[in-house]
Every structure is written in structure tokens, then in C-alpha cells.
Protein backbone atom coordinates (compact mmCIF):
# COMPACT_ATOMS: atom_id res chain seq x y z
CA MET A 1 -3.73 5.25 -5.52
CA ALA A 2 -3.06 1.52 -5.19
CA PHE A 3 0.04 1.87 -7.35
CA ILE A 4 1.42 4.73 -5.25
CA VAL A 5 0.74 3.02 -1.91
CA GLY A 6 2.09 -0.30 -3.18
CA SER A 7 5.26 1.34 -4.47
CA ALA A 8 5.82 3.25 -1.23
CA LEU A 9 5.30 0.11 0.84
CA ALA A 10 7.63 -1.92 -1.36
CA LEU A 11 10.36 0.74 -1.07
CA ALA A 12 9.87 1.01 2.68
CA THR A 13 10.06 -2.77 3.07
CA ILE A 14 13.27 -2.91 1.03
CA ALA A 15 14.67 -0.11 3.22
CA LEU A 16 13.70 -2.09 6.31
CA ILE A 17 15.50 -5.18 5.05
CA VAL A 18 18.58 -3.18 4.08
CA ARG A 19 18.56 -1.44 7.44
CA HIS A 20 18.67 -4.69 9.37
CA THR A 21 21.06 -6.63 7.15
CA THR A 22 23.83 -4.12 6.42
CA ASN A 23 26.42 -2.30 8.46
CA PRO A 24 25.27 0.51 10.78
CA GLY A 25 26.53 3.29 8.48
CA ILE A 26 24.12 2.39 5.72
CA ALA A 27 21.35 1.45 8.14
CA HIS A 28 20.84 4.98 9.44
CA SER A 29 19.99 6.75 6.20
CA PRO A 30 18.03 10.02 6.50
CA TRP A 31 15.17 8.86 4.24
CA TYR A 32 14.22 5.73 6.20
CA GLY A 33 11.86 7.43 8.68
CA PRO A 34 10.23 9.84 6.23
CA LEU A 35 9.58 6.95 3.83
CA TRP A 36 7.51 5.10 6.45
CA ILE A 37 5.72 8.31 7.43
CA ALA A 38 4.88 8.98 3.76
CA HIS A 39 3.53 5.47 3.39
CA GLY A 40 1.35 5.98 6.47
CA TRP A 41 -0.19 9.15 5.09
CA LEU A 42 -0.60 7.68 1.62
CA TYR A 43 -2.28 4.63 3.13
CA MET A 44 -4.84 6.89 4.81
CA VAL A 45 -5.63 8.47 1.43
CA TYR A 46 -5.85 4.94 -0.04
CA LEU A 47 -8.39 3.98 2.65
CA VAL A 48 -10.55 7.01 1.87
CA ALA A 49 -10.34 6.34 -1.88
CA THR A 50 -11.22 2.67 -1.35
CA PHE A 51 -14.17 3.59 0.85
CA ASN A 52 -15.38 6.08 -1.75
CA LEU A 53 -15.09 3.49 -4.51
CA SER A 54 -16.82 0.82 -2.43
CA VAL A 55 -19.79 3.10 -1.78
CA LYS A 56 -20.07 3.99 -5.48
CA ARG A 57 -19.76 0.33 -6.57
CA ARG A 58 -21.95 -0.95 -3.70
CA TRP A 59 -19.42 -3.50 -2.48
CA ASP A 60 -20.20 -5.59 0.54
CA LEU A 61 -18.23 -5.00 3.74
CA GLY A 62 -15.99 -8.03 3.24
CA LYS A 63 -14.80 -6.99 -0.20
CA MET A 64 -14.15 -3.47 0.99
CA ALA A 65 -12.12 -4.75 3.96
CA VAL A 66 -10.03 -7.06 1.77
CA VAL A 67 -9.18 -4.25 -0.65
CA MET A 68 -8.33 -1.93 2.24
CA LEU A 69 -6.07 -4.53 3.84
CA ALA A 70 -4.29 -5.11 0.52
CA GLY A 71 -2.41 -1.86 1.16
CA THR A 72 -0.73 -3.36 4.21
CA ILE A 73 0.97 -6.28 2.43
CA PRO A 74 3.86 -5.42 0.11
CA LEU A 75 2.82 -5.63 -3.57
CA MET A 76 -0.67 -6.96 -2.70
CA SER A 77 -2.31 -3.66 -3.68
CA PHE A 78 -1.14 -4.32 -7.25
CA VAL A 79 -2.89 -7.71 -7.22
CA ALA A 80 -6.09 -6.22 -5.79
CA GLU A 81 -6.04 -3.40 -8.35
CA ASN A 82 -5.57 -5.88 -11.18
CA ARG A 83 -8.45 -8.09 -10.04
CA LEU A 84 -10.78 -5.14 -9.57
CA ALA A 85 -9.90 -3.81 -13.03
CA LYS A 86 -10.68 -7.19 -14.59
CA GLU A 87 -13.91 -7.39 -12.60
CA SER A 88 -15.09 -3.99 -13.78
CA LEU A 89 -14.57 -5.02 -17.43
CA THR A 90 -16.99 -7.93 -17.16
């Protein structure tokens, strides 16, 4: 789920940058709004999945909050996923 949310947020952020740095014809593409809406819904699923995982792994509240907030910063969910995968191997 972290990969999907991170990818959607990265694409939406790139679309945001393109929208505000190019000419108005390119800026008003039909997929800009739906991309942000999709990220919003996917982020809600990410929050539920993170909560479920945190209950199963018995994480403290701080760790759970940091992992949940990682989905709001572009590409940070990939970093969080990587660290959690390494942590679960040890």
C-alpha cells in the first residue's frame, strides 16, 4: 500500500508542479483533479492498513503516527516501508 500511495502522491506532485510552471493549455489537463482525489482515497486505505499493522505488531503511538504521516510527504512512504522491512528482518 505504501508503494501505491507513494507513487500516486509523487505523480500528483509532479502534476502540481507542471500545472503551475507551464502555459495554461497544459495546466488544465482532465486528469489533474481525479489524480488528487485518487490519492486522497488511497491515503485513507493506507491509514487503515497502517493502523491494522501497528495493532498486530504492537507499535507505540509515536511510531504509528510517523508511518501514517509518511504518506503525506512525496516519496517518504518508500523510505518508511524500507525501514520497516529491514526492522522486521532483525
